Amino acid sequence: MKVEVVKASYLNEQHKHDIPMLLNEYSLDPMGGGQALSEDVKVNLVNELSKLPHAFTVIAYIDNQPAGLINCFEGFSTFSCKPLINVHDVIVLKQYRGNNISQVMLKEVEKIARAKG
């Protein structure tokens, strides 16, 4: 099993497809509410994320297939007087759960956060 974790590019055609697909699969899961995303969300999500300079997405691929996703937003901790990363969505498709994919993705988020200070 080959695992690859990447920071998504909102301009990359593959990522533009995989982000709403993964989020929709999570939304369909009982943990995500059990209902599909609206067509409007599926069509516009990546474009709207691309407008937010403080947003980023990490995608996990297993054997070149999308398997998981984390959406993050930069924020600011007033108590620490430092920037922080809010982890908003953590998604691993059902068939890939139990393989530590979320931990691998979170390590990538941590790497990005440390690079941002």
PDB file of N, CA and C in Angstrom:
ATOM      1  N   MET A   1       0.850  -1.174   0.000  1.00  0.00           N
ATOM      2  CA  MET A   1       0.000   0.000   0.000  1.00  0.00           C
ATOM      3  C   MET A   1       0.894   1.235   0.000  1.00  0.00           C
ATOM      4  N   LYS A   2       0.811   2.035  -1.055  1.00  0.00           N
ATOM      5  CA  LYS A   2       1.589   3.260  -1.182  1.00  0.00           C
ATOM      6  C   LYS A   2       0.735   4.440  -0.720  1.00  0.00           C
ATOM      7  N   VAL A   3       1.194   5.149   0.328  1.00  0.00           N
ATOM      8  CA  VAL A   3       0.474   6.305   0.867  1.00  0.00           C
ATOM      9  C   VAL A   3       1.230   7.562   0.484  1.00  0.00           C
ATOM     10  N   GLU A   4       0.514   8.514  -0.096  1.00  0.00           N
ATOM     11  CA  GLU A   4       1.080   9.819  -0.435  1.00  0.00           C
ATOM     12  C   GLU A   4       0.162  10.893   0.144  1.00  0.00           C
ATOM     13  N   VAL A   5       0.743  11.849   0.838  1.00  0.00           N
ATOM     14  CA  VAL A   5      -0.021  12.952   1.405  1.00  0.00           C
ATOM     15  C   VAL A   5       0.503  14.244   0.796  1.00  0.00           C
ATOM     16  N   VAL A   6      -0.418  15.060   0.280  1.00  0.00           N
ATOM     17  CA  VAL A   6      -0.031  16.296  -0.389  1.00  0.00           C
ATOM     18  C   VAL A   6      -0.862  17.465   0.124  1.00  0.00           C
ATOM     19  N   LYS A   7      -0.245  18.642   0.096  1.00  0.00           N
ATOM     20  CA  LYS A   7      -1.015  19.863   0.301  1.00  0.00           C
ATOM     21  C   LYS A   7      -1.685  20.143  -1.035  1.00  0.00           C
ATOM     22  N   ALA A   8      -2.992  20.211  -1.031  1.00  0.00           N
ATOM     23  CA  ALA A   8      -3.750  20.367  -2.279  1.00  0.00           C
ATOM     24  C   ALA A   8      -3.502  21.732  -2.895  1.00  0.00           C
ATOM     25  N   SER A   9      -3.581  21.742  -4.208  1.00  0.00           N
ATOM     26  CA  SER A   9      -3.611  22.994  -4.958  1.00  0.00           C
ATOM     27  C   SER A   9      -5.045  23.166  -5.443  1.00  0.00           C
ATOM     28  N   TYR A  10      -5.643  24.294  -5.113  1.00  0.00           N
ATOM     29  CA  TYR A  10      -7.021  24.525  -5.524  1.00  0.00           C
ATOM     30  C   TYR A  10      -7.133  24.771  -7.030  1.00  0.00           C
ATOM     31  N   LEU A  11      -5.988  24.842  -7.731  1.00  0.00           N
ATOM     32  CA  LEU A  11      -5.975  24.996  -9.187  1.00  0.00           C
ATOM     33  C   LEU A  11      -5.759  23.669  -9.902  1.00  0.00           C
ATOM     34  N   ASN A  12      -5.356  22.642  -9.184  1.00  0.00           N
ATOM     35  CA  ASN A  12      -5.079  21.329  -9.745  1.00  0.00           C
ATOM     36  C   ASN A  12      -6.398  20.610 -10.057  1.00  0.00           C
ATOM     37  N   GLU A  13      -6.565  20.171 -11.299  1.00  0.00           N
ATOM     38  CA  GLU A  13      -7.836  19.547 -11.710  1.00  0.00           C
ATOM     39  C   GLU A  13      -8.163  18.292 -10.894  1.00  0.00           C
ATOM     40  N   GLN A  14      -7.159  17.471 -10.593  1.00  0.00           N
ATOM     41  CA  GLN A  14      -7.411  16.268  -9.795  1.00  0.00           C
ATOM     42  C   GLN A  14      -7.876  16.648  -8.397  1.00  0.00           C
ATOM     43  N   HIS A  15      -7.223  17.621  -7.781  1.00  0.00           N
ATOM     44  CA  HIS A  15      -7.603  18.062  -6.444  1.00  0.00           C
ATOM     45  C   HIS A  15      -8.986  18.708  -6.453  1.00  0.00           C
ATOM     46  N   LYS A  16      -9.300  19.455  -7.519  1.00  0.00           N
ATOM     47  CA  LYS A  16     -10.630  20.076  -7.639  1.00  0.00           C
ATOM     48  C   LYS A  16     -11.728  19.015  -7.657  1.00  0.00           C
ATOM     49  N   HIS A  17     -11.413  17.866  -8.185  1.00  0.00           N
ATOM     50  CA  HIS A  17     -12.372  16.753  -8.216  1.00  0.00           C
ATOM     51  C   HIS A  17     -12.408  16.028  -6.869  1.00  0.00           C
ATOM     52  N   ASP A  18     -11.226  15.768  -6.299  1.00  0.00           N
ATOM     53  CA  ASP A  18     -11.130  14.918  -5.113  1.00  0.00           C
ATOM     54  C   ASP A  18     -11.651  15.586  -3.848  1.00  0.00           C
ATOM     55  N   ILE A  19     -11.460  16.886  -3.704  1.00  0.00           N
ATOM     56  CA  ILE A  19     -11.886  17.575  -2.470  1.00  0.00           C
ATOM     57  C   ILE A  19     -13.395  17.455  -2.259  1.00  0.00           C
ATOM     58  N   PRO A  20     -14.239  17.879  -3.204  1.00  0.00           N
ATOM     59  CA  PRO A  20     -15.683  17.729  -2.956  1.00  0.00           C
ATOM     60  C   PRO A  20     -16.137  16.272  -2.908  1.00  0.00           C
ATOM     61  N   MET A  21     -15.476  15.397  -3.661  1.00  0.00           N
ATOM     62  CA  MET A  21     -15.847  13.979  -3.623  1.00  0.00           C
ATOM     63  C   MET A  21     -15.617  13.413  -2.225  1.00  0.00           C
ATOM     64  N   LEU A  22     -14.434  13.680  -1.655  1.00  0.00           N
ATOM     65  CA  LEU A  22     -14.124  13.176  -0.314  1.00  0.00           C
ATOM     66  C   LEU A  22     -15.056  13.788   0.732  1.00  0.00           C
ATOM     67  N   LEU A  23     -15.293  15.085   0.633  1.00  0.00           N
ATOM     68  CA  LEU A  23     -16.177  15.740   1.593  1.00  0.00           C
ATOM     69  C   LEU A  23     -17.601  15.211   1.481  1.00  0.00           C
ATOM     70  N   ASN A  24     -18.041  14.931   0.257  1.00  0.00           N
ATOM     71  CA  ASN A  24     -19.383  14.379   0.070  1.00  0.00           C
ATOM     72  C   ASN A  24     -19.493  12.972   0.656  1.00  0.00           C
ATOM     73  N   GLU A  25     -18.461  12.157   0.468  1.00  0.00           N
ATOM     74  CA  GLU A  25     -18.481  10.809   1.051  1.00  0.00           C
ATOM     75  C   GLU A  25     -18.573  10.877   2.565  1.00  0.00           C
ATOM     76  N   TYR A  26     -17.857  11.823   3.157  1.00  0.00           N
ATOM     77  CA  TYR A  26     -17.941  12.006   4.608  1.00  0.00           C
ATOM     78  C   TYR A  26     -19.343  12.475   5.003  1.00  0.00           C
ATOM     79  N   SER A  27     -19.898  13.398   4.236  1.00  0.00           N
ATOM     80  CA  SER A  27     -21.233  13.912   4.519  1.00  0.00           C
ATOM     81  C   SER A  27     -22.284  12.803   4.450  1.00  0.00           C
ATOM     82  N   LEU A  28     -22.105  11.844   3.559  1.00  0.00           N
ATOM     83  CA  LEU A  28     -23.034  10.723   3.433  1.00  0.00           C
ATOM     84  C   LEU A  28     -22.921   9.736   4.589  1.00  0.00           C
ATOM     85  N   ASP A  29     -21.760   9.694   5.235  1.00  0.00           N
ATOM     86  CA  ASP A  29     -21.517   8.792   6.354  1.00  0.00           C
ATOM     87  C   ASP A  29     -22.327   9.258   7.573  1.00  0.00           C
ATOM     88  N   PRO A  30     -22.782   8.338   8.410  1.00  0.00           N
ATOM     89  CA  PRO A  30     -23.495   8.762   9.619  1.00  0.00           C
ATOM     90  C   PRO A  30     -22.688   9.762  10.476  1.00  0.00           C
ATOM     91  N   MET A  31     -21.356   9.630  10.482  1.00  0.00           N
ATOM     92  CA  MET A  31     -20.536  10.576  11.251  1.00  0.00           C
ATOM     93  C   MET A  31     -20.592  11.984  10.661  1.00  0.00           C
ATOM     94  N   GLY A  32     -20.906  12.087   9.371  1.00  0.00           N
ATOM     95  CA  GLY A  32     -20.982  13.390   8.712  1.00  0.00           C
ATOM     96  C   GLY A  32     -22.399  13.903   8.547  1.00  0.00           C
ATOM     97  N   GLY A  33     -23.365  13.206   9.118  1.00  0.00           N
ATOM     98  CA  GLY A  33     -24.746  13.663   9.052  1.00  0.00           C
ATOM     99  C   GLY A  33     -25.650  12.815   8.188  1.00  0.00           C
ATOM    100  N   GLY A  34     -25.067  11.973   7.329  1.00  0.00           N
ATOM    101  CA  GLY A  34     -25.868  11.043   6.545  1.00  0.00           C
ATOM    102  C   GLY A  34     -26.583  11.630   5.348  1.00  0.00           C
ATOM    103  N   GLN A  35     -26.217  12.841   4.926  1.00  0.00           N
ATOM    104  CA  GLN A  35     -26.859  13.445   3.755  1.00  0.00           C
ATOM    105  C   GLN A  35     -25.799  13.973   2.807  1.00  0.00           C
ATOM    106  N   ALA A  36     -26.077  13.866   1.517  1.00  0.00           N
ATOM    107  CA  ALA A  36     -25.151  14.356   0.502  1.00  0.00           C
ATOM    108  C   ALA A  36     -25.036  15.871   0.556  1.00  0.00           C
ATOM    109  N   LEU A  37     -23.898  16.369   0.122  1.00  0.00           N
ATOM    110  CA  LEU A  37     -23.742  17.805  -0.052  1.00  0.00           C
ATOM    111  C   LEU A  37     -24.650  18.273  -1.176  1.00  0.00           C
ATOM    112  N   SER A  38     -25.048  19.518  -1.123  1.00  0.00           N
ATOM    113  CA  SER A  38     -25.845  20.065  -2.221  1.00  0.00           C
ATOM    114  C   SER A  38     -24.968  20.170  -3.473  1.00  0.00           C
ATOM    115  N   GLU A  39     -25.606  20.180  -4.618  1.00  0.00           N
ATOM    116  CA  GLU A  39     -24.858  20.339  -5.879  1.00  0.00           C
ATOM    117  C   GLU A  39     -24.106  21.661  -5.884  1.00  0.00           C
ATOM    118  N   ASP A  40     -24.693  22.695  -5.319  1.00  0.00           N
ATOM    119  CA  ASP A  40     -24.034  24.002  -5.250  1.00  0.00           C
ATOM    120  C   ASP A  40     -22.712  23.904  -4.488  1.00  0.00           C
ATOM    121  N   VAL A  41     -22.716  23.201  -3.369  1.00  0.00           N
ATOM    122  CA  VAL A  41     -21.488  23.035  -2.587  1.00  0.00           C
ATOM    123  C   VAL A  41     -20.470  22.230  -3.379  1.00  0.00           C
ATOM    124  N   LYS A  42     -20.897  21.132  -3.975  1.00  0.00           N
ATOM    125  CA  LYS A  42     -19.971  20.295  -4.733  1.00  0.00           C
ATOM    126  C   LYS A  42     -19.322  21.072  -5.881  1.00  0.00           C
ATOM    127  N   VAL A  43     -20.098  21.903  -6.547  1.00  0.00           N
ATOM    128  CA  VAL A  43     -19.597  22.653  -7.701  1.00  0.00           C
ATOM    129  C   VAL A  43     -18.713  23.827  -7.281  1.00  0.00           C
ATOM    130  N   ASN A  44     -19.047  24.475  -6.181  1.00  0.00           N
ATOM    131  CA  ASN A  44     -18.386  25.735  -5.830  1.00  0.00           C
ATOM    132  C   ASN A  44     -17.377  25.666  -4.694  1.00  0.00           C
ATOM    133  N   LEU A  45     -17.297  24.558  -3.996  1.00  0.00           N
ATOM    134  CA  LEU A  45     -16.458  24.471  -2.802  1.00  0.00           C
ATOM    135  C   LEU A  45     -15.006  24.857  -3.049  1.00  0.00           C
ATOM    136  N   VAL A  46     -14.370  24.248  -4.011  1.00  0.00           N
ATOM    137  CA  VAL A  46     -12.941  24.489  -4.229  1.00  0.00           C
ATOM    138  C   VAL A  46     -12.700  25.926  -4.666  1.00  0.00           C
ATOM    139  N   ASN A  47     -13.546  26.449  -5.519  1.00  0.00           N
ATOM    140  CA  ASN A  47     -13.398  27.838  -5.947  1.00  0.00           C
ATOM    141  C   ASN A  47     -13.511  28.790  -4.756  1.00  0.00           C
ATOM    142  N   GLU A  48     -14.450  28.527  -3.868  1.00  0.00           N
ATOM    143  CA  GLU A  48     -14.612  29.396  -2.690  1.00  0.00           C
ATOM    144  C   GLU A  48     -13.439  29.246  -1.721  1.00  0.00           C
ATOM    145  N   LEU A  49     -12.952  28.014  -1.546  1.00  0.00           N
ATOM    146  CA  LEU A  49     -11.769  27.824  -0.701  1.00  0.00           C
ATOM    147  C   LEU A  49     -10.568  28.577  -1.267  1.00  0.00           C
ATOM    148  N   SER A  50     -10.445  28.583  -2.588  1.00  0.00           N
ATOM    149  CA  SER A  50      -9.299  29.244  -3.226  1.00  0.00           C
ATOM    150  C   SER A  50      -9.289  30.751  -2.983  1.00  0.00           C
ATOM    151  N   LYS A  51     -10.423  31.321  -2.638  1.00  0.00           N
ATOM    152  CA  LYS A  51     -10.513  32.755  -2.361  1.00  0.00           C
ATOM    153  C   LYS A  51     -10.042  33.102  -0.946  1.00  0.00           C
ATOM    154  N   LEU A  52      -9.843  32.091  -0.121  1.00  0.00           N
ATOM    155  CA  LEU A  52      -9.460  32.308   1.271  1.00  0.00           C
ATOM    156  C   LEU A  52      -7.966  32.069   1.433  1.00  0.00           C
ATOM    157  N   PRO A  53      -7.177  33.133   1.585  1.00  0.00           N
ATOM    158  CA  PRO A  53      -5.726  32.944   1.682  1.00  0.00           C
ATOM    159  C   PRO A  53      -5.299  32.177   2.931  1.00  0.00           C
ATOM    160  N   HIS A  54      -6.189  32.058   3.893  1.00  0.00           N
ATOM    161  CA  HIS A  54      -5.866  31.369   5.149  1.00  0.00           C
ATOM    162  C   HIS A  54      -6.370  29.921   5.182  1.00  0.00           C
ATOM    163  N   ALA A  55      -6.860  29.409   4.040  1.00  0.00           N
ATOM    164  CA  ALA A  55      -7.364  28.029   3.970  1.00  0.00           C
ATOM    165  C   ALA A  55      -6.347  27.140   3.261  1.00  0.00           C
ATOM    166  N   PHE A  56      -6.255  25.904   3.723  1.00  0.00           N
ATOM    167  CA  PHE A  56      -5.503  24.905   2.964  1.00  0.00           C
ATOM    168  C   PHE A  56      -6.084  23.525   3.243  1.00  0.00           C
ATOM    169  N   THR A  57      -5.817  22.630   2.313  1.00  0.00           N
ATOM    170  CA  THR A  57      -6.342  21.270   2.360  1.00  0.00           C
ATOM    171  C   THR A  57      -5.201  20.282   2.164  1.00  0.00           C
ATOM    172  N   VAL A  58      -5.231  19.210   2.928  1.00  0.00           N
ATOM    173  CA  VAL A  58      -4.274  18.116   2.781  1.00  0.00           C
ATOM    174  C   VAL A  58      -5.073  16.900   2.311  1.00  0.00           C
ATOM    175  N   ILE A  59      -4.567  16.230   1.279  1.00  0.00           N
ATOM    176  CA  ILE A  59      -5.235  15.045   0.745  1.00  0.00           C
ATOM    177  C   ILE A  59      -4.299  13.847   0.856  1.00  0.00           C
ATOM    178  N   ALA A  60      -4.855  12.704   1.263  1.00  0.00           N
ATOM    179  CA  ALA A  60      -4.106  11.449   1.287  1.00  0.00           C
ATOM    180  C   ALA A  60      -4.559  10.592   0.116  1.00  0.00           C
ATOM    181  N   TYR A  61      -3.583  10.016  -0.556  1.00  0.00           N
ATOM    182  CA  TYR A  61      -3.844   9.072  -1.640  1.00  0.00           C
ATOM    183  C   TYR A  61      -3.242   7.727  -1.255  1.00  0.00           C
ATOM    184  N   ILE A  62      -3.993   6.676  -1.477  1.00  0.00           N
ATOM    185  CA  ILE A  62      -3.482   5.319  -1.288  1.00  0.00           C
ATOM    186  C   ILE A  62      -3.490   4.666  -2.663  1.00  0.00           C
ATOM    187  N   ASP A  63      -2.315   4.239  -3.075  1.00  0.00           N
ATOM    188  CA  ASP A  63      -2.161   3.659  -4.407  1.00  0.00           C
ATOM    189  C   ASP A  63      -2.812   4.544  -5.470  1.00  0.00           C
ATOM    190  N   ASN A  64      -2.547   5.852  -5.345  1.00  0.00           N
ATOM    191  CA  ASN A  64      -3.024   6.886  -6.281  1.00  0.00           C
ATOM    192  C   ASN A  64      -4.530   7.117  -6.251  1.00  0.00           C
ATOM    193  N   GLN A  65      -5.227   6.582  -5.250  1.00  0.00           N
ATOM    194  CA  GLN A  65      -6.668   6.803  -5.104  1.00  0.00           C
ATOM    195  C   GLN A  65      -6.916   7.716  -3.910  1.00  0.00           C
ATOM    196  N   PRO A  66      -7.810   8.719  -4.035  1.00  0.00           N
ATOM    197  CA  PRO A  66      -8.095   9.596  -2.897  1.00  0.00           C
ATOM    198  C   PRO A  66      -8.671   8.791  -1.734  1.00  0.00           C
ATOM    199  N   ALA A  67      -8.089   8.992  -0.557  1.00  0.00           N
ATOM    200  CA  ALA A  67      -8.486   8.207   0.610  1.00  0.00           C
ATOM    201  C   ALA A  67      -8.875   9.056   1.804  1.00  0.00           C
ATOM    202  N   GLY A  68      -8.361  10.281   1.888  1.00  0.00           N
ATOM    203  CA  GLY A  68      -8.646  11.109   3.047  1.00  0.00           C
ATOM    204  C   GLY A  68      -8.345  12.568   2.786  1.00  0.00           C
ATOM    205  N   LEU A  69      -8.832  13.407   3.693  1.00  0.00           N
ATOM    206  CA  LEU A  69      -8.713  14.848   3.508  1.00  0.00           C
ATOM    207  C   LEU A  69      -8.768  15.540   4.858  1.00  0.00           C
ATOM    208  N   ILE A  70      -8.032  16.629   4.979  1.00  0.00           N
ATOM    209  CA  ILE A  70      -8.159  17.528   6.126  1.00  0.00           C
ATOM    210  C   ILE A  70      -8.253  18.942   5.580  1.00  0.00           C
ATOM    211  N   ASN A  71      -9.281  19.679   5.964  1.00  0.00           N
ATOM    212  CA  ASN A  71      -9.403  21.097   5.644  1.00  0.00           C
ATOM    213  C   ASN A  71      -8.976  21.897   6.865  1.00  0.00           C
ATOM    214  N   CYS A  72      -8.149  22.908   6.629  1.00  0.00           N
ATOM    215  CA  CYS A  72      -7.612  23.715   7.727  1.00  0.00           C
ATOM    216  C   CYS A  72      -7.761  25.204   7.420  1.00  0.00           C
ATOM    217  N   PHE A  73      -7.807  25.978   8.493  1.00  0.00           N
ATOM    218  CA  PHE A  73      -7.893  27.424   8.381  1.00  0.00           C
ATOM    219  C   PHE A  73      -6.947  28.058   9.388  1.00  0.00           C
ATOM    220  N   GLU A  74      -6.171  29.021   8.917  1.00  0.00           N
ATOM    221  CA  GLU A  74      -5.282  29.739   9.815  1.00  0.00           C
ATOM    222  C   GLU A  74      -6.102  30.673  10.689  1.00  0.00           C
ATOM    223  N   GLY A  75      -5.726  30.722  11.944  1.00  0.00           N
ATOM    224  CA  GLY A  75      -6.358  31.620  12.890  1.00  0.00           C
ATOM    225  C   GLY A  75      -5.280  32.291  13.730  1.00  0.00           C
ATOM    226  N   PHE A  76      -5.691  32.806  14.858  1.00  0.00           N
ATOM    227  CA  PHE A  76      -4.754  33.497  15.744  1.00  0.00           C
ATOM    228  C   PHE A  76      -5.139  33.227  17.185  1.00  0.00           C
ATOM    229  N   SER A  77      -4.158  32.846  17.987  1.00  0.00           N
ATOM    230  CA  SER A  77      -4.373  32.620  19.409  1.00  0.00           C
ATOM    231  C   SER A  77      -4.032  33.900  20.160  1.00  0.00           C
ATOM    232  N   THR A  78      -5.032  34.520  20.758  1.00  0.00           N
ATOM    233  CA  THR A  78      -4.765  35.722  21.543  1.00  0.00           C
ATOM    234  C   THR A  78      -4.018  35.379  22.820  1.00  0.00           C
ATOM    235  N   PHE A  79      -4.248  34.197  23.388  1.00  0.00           N
ATOM    236  CA  PHE A  79      -3.557  33.806  24.614  1.00  0.00           C
ATOM    237  C   PHE A  79      -2.059  33.596  24.379  1.00  0.00           C
ATOM    238  N   SER A  80      -1.716  33.074  23.206  1.00  0.00           N
ATOM    239  CA  SER A  80      -0.310  32.832  22.876  1.00  0.00           C
ATOM    240  C   SER A  80       0.298  33.941  22.032  1.00  0.00           C
ATOM    241  N   CYS A  81      -0.552  34.796  21.496  1.00  0.00           N
ATOM    242  CA  CYS A  81      -0.125  35.870  20.590  1.00  0.00           C
ATOM    243  C   CYS A  81       0.655  35.292  19.405  1.00  0.00           C
ATOM    244  N   LYS A  82       0.090  34.208  18.854  1.00  0.00           N
ATOM    245  CA  LYS A  82       0.717  33.511  17.736  1.00  0.00           C
ATOM    246  C   LYS A  82      -0.361  33.003  16.785  1.00  0.00           C
ATOM    247  N   PRO A  83       0.032  32.801  15.535  1.00  0.00           N
ATOM    248  CA  PRO A  83      -0.913  32.162  14.615  1.00  0.00           C
ATOM    249  C   PRO A  83      -1.133  30.711  15.011  1.00  0.00           C
ATOM    250  N   LEU A  84      -2.257  30.171  14.591  1.00  0.00           N
ATOM    251  CA  LEU A  84      -2.569  28.763  14.837  1.00  0.00           C
ATOM    252  C   LEU A  84      -3.297  28.199  13.632  1.00  0.00           C
ATOM    253  N   ILE A  85      -3.431  26.895  13.613  1.00  0.00           N
ATOM    254  CA  ILE A  85      -4.169  26.214  12.547  1.00  0.00           C
ATOM    255  C   ILE A  85      -5.392  25.545  13.172  1.00  0.00           C
ATOM    256  N   ASN A  86      -6.563  25.892  12.669  1.00  0.00           N
ATOM    257  CA  ASN A  86      -7.795  25.212  13.063  1.00  0.00           C
ATOM    258  C   ASN A  86      -8.029  24.060  12.094  1.00  0.00           C
ATOM    259  N   VAL A  87      -8.070  22.857  12.631  1.00  0.00           N
ATOM    260  CA  VAL A  87      -8.375  21.679  11.827  1.00  0.00           C
ATOM    261  C   VAL A  87      -9.889  21.568  11.789  1.00  0.00           C
ATOM    262  N   HIS A  88     -10.444  21.703  10.584  1.00  0.00           N
ATOM    263  CA  HIS A  88     -11.900  21.780  10.458  1.00  0.00           C
ATOM    264  C   HIS A  88     -12.526  20.430  10.103  1.00  0.00           C
ATOM    265  N   ASP A  89     -12.048  19.793   9.067  1.00  0.00           N
ATOM    266  CA  ASP A  89     -12.593  18.507   8.632  1.00  0.00           C
ATOM    267  C   ASP A  89     -11.468  17.477   8.630  1.00  0.00           C
ATOM    268  N   VAL A  90     -11.740  16.309   9.173  1.00  0.00           N
ATOM    269  CA  VAL A  90     -10.820  15.176   9.071  1.00  0.00           C
ATOM    270  C   VAL A  90     -11.630  14.022   8.506  1.00  0.00           C
ATOM    271  N   ILE A  91     -11.252  13.583   7.310  1.00  0.00           N
ATOM    272  CA  ILE A  91     -12.032  12.588   6.591  1.00  0.00           C
ATOM    273  C   ILE A  91     -11.114  11.457   6.142  1.00  0.00           C
ATOM    274  N   VAL A  92     -11.506  10.239   6.420  1.00  0.00           N
ATOM    275  CA  VAL A  92     -10.866   9.057   5.830  1.00  0.00           C
ATOM    276  C   VAL A  92     -12.000   8.170   5.332  1.00  0.00           C
ATOM    277  N   LEU A  93     -11.953   7.831   4.054  1.00  0.00           N
ATOM    278  CA  LEU A  93     -12.996   6.972   3.500  1.00  0.00           C
ATOM    279  C   LEU A  93     -13.047   5.645   4.258  1.00  0.00           C
ATOM    280  N   LYS A  94     -14.261   5.132   4.397  1.00  0.00           N
ATOM    281  CA  LYS A  94     -14.504   3.933   5.208  1.00  0.00           C
ATOM    282  C   LYS A  94     -13.556   2.778   4.879  1.00  0.00           C
ATOM    283  N   GLN A  95     -13.318   2.542   3.605  1.00  0.00           N
ATOM    284  CA  GLN A  95     -12.491   1.392   3.217  1.00  0.00           C
ATOM    285  C   GLN A  95     -11.018   1.558   3.588  1.00  0.00           C
ATOM    286  N   TYR A  96     -10.600   2.789   3.959  1.00  0.00           N
ATOM    287  CA  TYR A  96      -9.203   3.029   4.327  1.00  0.00           C
ATOM    288  C   TYR A  96      -9.013   3.270   5.825  1.00  0.00           C
ATOM    289  N   ARG A  97     -10.086   3.272   6.577  1.00  0.00           N
ATOM    290  CA  ARG A  97      -9.969   3.503   8.016  1.00  0.00           C
ATOM    291  C   ARG A  97      -9.209   2.371   8.679  1.00  0.00           C
ATOM    292  N   GLY A  98      -8.527   2.697   9.768  1.00  0.00           N
ATOM    293  CA  GLY A  98      -7.746   1.712  10.499  1.00  0.00           C
ATOM    294  C   GLY A  98      -6.323   1.567   9.994  1.00  0.00           C
ATOM    295  N   ASN A  99      -5.907   2.430   9.081  1.00  0.00           N
ATOM    296  CA  ASN A  99      -4.563   2.381   8.506  1.00  0.00           C
ATOM    297  C   ASN A  99      -3.707   3.585   8.907  1.00  0.00           C
ATOM    298  N   ASN A 100      -4.122   4.318   9.940  1.00  0.00           N
ATOM    299  CA  ASN A 100      -3.393   5.500  10.431  1.00  0.00           C
ATOM    300  C   ASN A 100      -3.285   6.626   9.412  1.00  0.00           C
ATOM    301  N   ILE A 101      -4.196   6.663   8.448  1.00  0.00           N
ATOM    302  CA  ILE A 101      -4.159   7.702   7.424  1.00  0.00           C
ATOM    303  C   ILE A 101      -4.351   9.084   8.046  1.00  0.00           C
ATOM    304  N   SER A 102      -5.242   9.195   9.018  1.00  0.00           N
ATOM    305  CA  SER A 102      -5.460  10.497   9.654  1.00  0.00           C
ATOM    306  C   SER A 102      -4.189  10.977  10.350  1.00  0.00           C
ATOM    307  N   GLN A 103      -3.448  10.077  10.965  1.00  0.00           N
ATOM    308  CA  GLN A 103      -2.201  10.463  11.640  1.00  0.00           C
ATOM    309  C   GLN A 103      -1.165  10.963  10.643  1.00  0.00           C
ATOM    310  N   VAL A 104      -1.077  10.311   9.496  1.00  0.00           N
ATOM    311  CA  VAL A 104      -0.129  10.741   8.462  1.00  0.00           C
ATOM    312  C   VAL A 104      -0.525  12.124   7.942  1.00  0.00           C
ATOM    313  N   MET A 105      -1.818  12.342   7.735  1.00  0.00           N
ATOM    314  CA  MET A 105      -2.278  13.655   7.275  1.00  0.00           C
ATOM    315  C   MET A 105      -2.022  14.725   8.334  1.00  0.00           C
ATOM    316  N   LEU A 106      -2.289  14.400   9.598  1.00  0.00           N
ATOM    317  CA  LEU A 106      -2.065  15.379  10.667  1.00  0.00           C
ATOM    318  C   LEU A 106      -0.584  15.736  10.802  1.00  0.00           C
ATOM    319  N   LYS A 107       0.304  14.806  10.530  1.00  0.00           N
ATOM    320  CA  LYS A 107       1.739  15.124  10.534  1.00  0.00           C
ATOM    321  C   LYS A 107       2.058  16.144   9.450  1.00  0.00           C
ATOM    322  N   GLU A 108       1.410  16.025   8.301  1.00  0.00           N
ATOM    323  CA  GLU A 108       1.612  16.997   7.220  1.00  0.00           C
ATOM    324  C   GLU A 108       1.054  18.357   7.618  1.00  0.00           C
ATOM    325  N   VAL A 109      -0.106  18.379   8.268  1.00  0.00           N
ATOM    326  CA  VAL A 109      -0.669  19.638   8.762  1.00  0.00           C
ATOM    327  C   VAL A 109       0.299  20.272   9.761  1.00  0.00           C
ATOM    328  N   GLU A 110       0.842  19.467  10.656  1.00  0.00           N
ATOM    329  CA  GLU A 110       1.801  19.988  11.638  1.00  0.00           C
ATOM    330  C   GLU A 110       3.030  20.566  10.942  1.00  0.00           C
ATOM    331  N   LYS A 111       3.511  19.892   9.928  1.00  0.00           N
ATOM    332  CA  LYS A 111       4.676  20.373   9.168  1.00  0.00           C
ATOM    333  C   LYS A 111       4.375  21.740   8.554  1.00  0.00           C
ATOM    334  N   ILE A 112       3.203  21.876   7.962  1.00  0.00           N
ATOM    335  CA  ILE A 112       2.784  23.152   7.354  1.00  0.00           C
ATOM    336  C   ILE A 112       2.658  24.220   8.441  1.00  0.00           C
ATOM    337  N   ALA A 113       2.056  23.861   9.567  1.00  0.00           N
ATOM    338  CA  ALA A 113       1.877  24.820  10.674  1.00  0.00           C
ATOM    339  C   ALA A 113       3.229  25.303  11.198  1.00  0.00           C
ATOM    340  N   ARG A 114       4.156  24.392  11.386  1.00  0.00           N
ATOM    341  CA  ARG A 114       5.487  24.779  11.876  1.00  0.00           C
ATOM    342  C   ARG A 114       6.195  25.692  10.882  1.00  0.00           C
ATOM    343  N   ALA A 115       6.031  25.426   9.594  1.00  0.00           N
ATOM    344  CA  ALA A 115       6.640  26.275   8.567  1.00  0.00           C
ATOM    345  C   ALA A 115       6.068  27.685   8.594  1.00  0.00           C
ATOM    346  N   LYS A 116       4.808  27.799   9.032  1.00  0.00           N
ATOM    347  CA  LYS A 116       4.153  29.106   9.128  1.00  0.00           C
ATOM    348  C   LYS A 116       4.415  29.788  10.467  1.00  0.00           C
ATOM    349  N   GLY A 117       5.101  29.088  11.342  1.00  0.00           N
ATOM    350  CA  GLY A 117       5.411  29.669  12.657  1.00  0.00           C
ATOM    351  C   GLY A 117       4.327  29.471  13.669  1.00  0.00           C
TER     352      GLY A 117
END
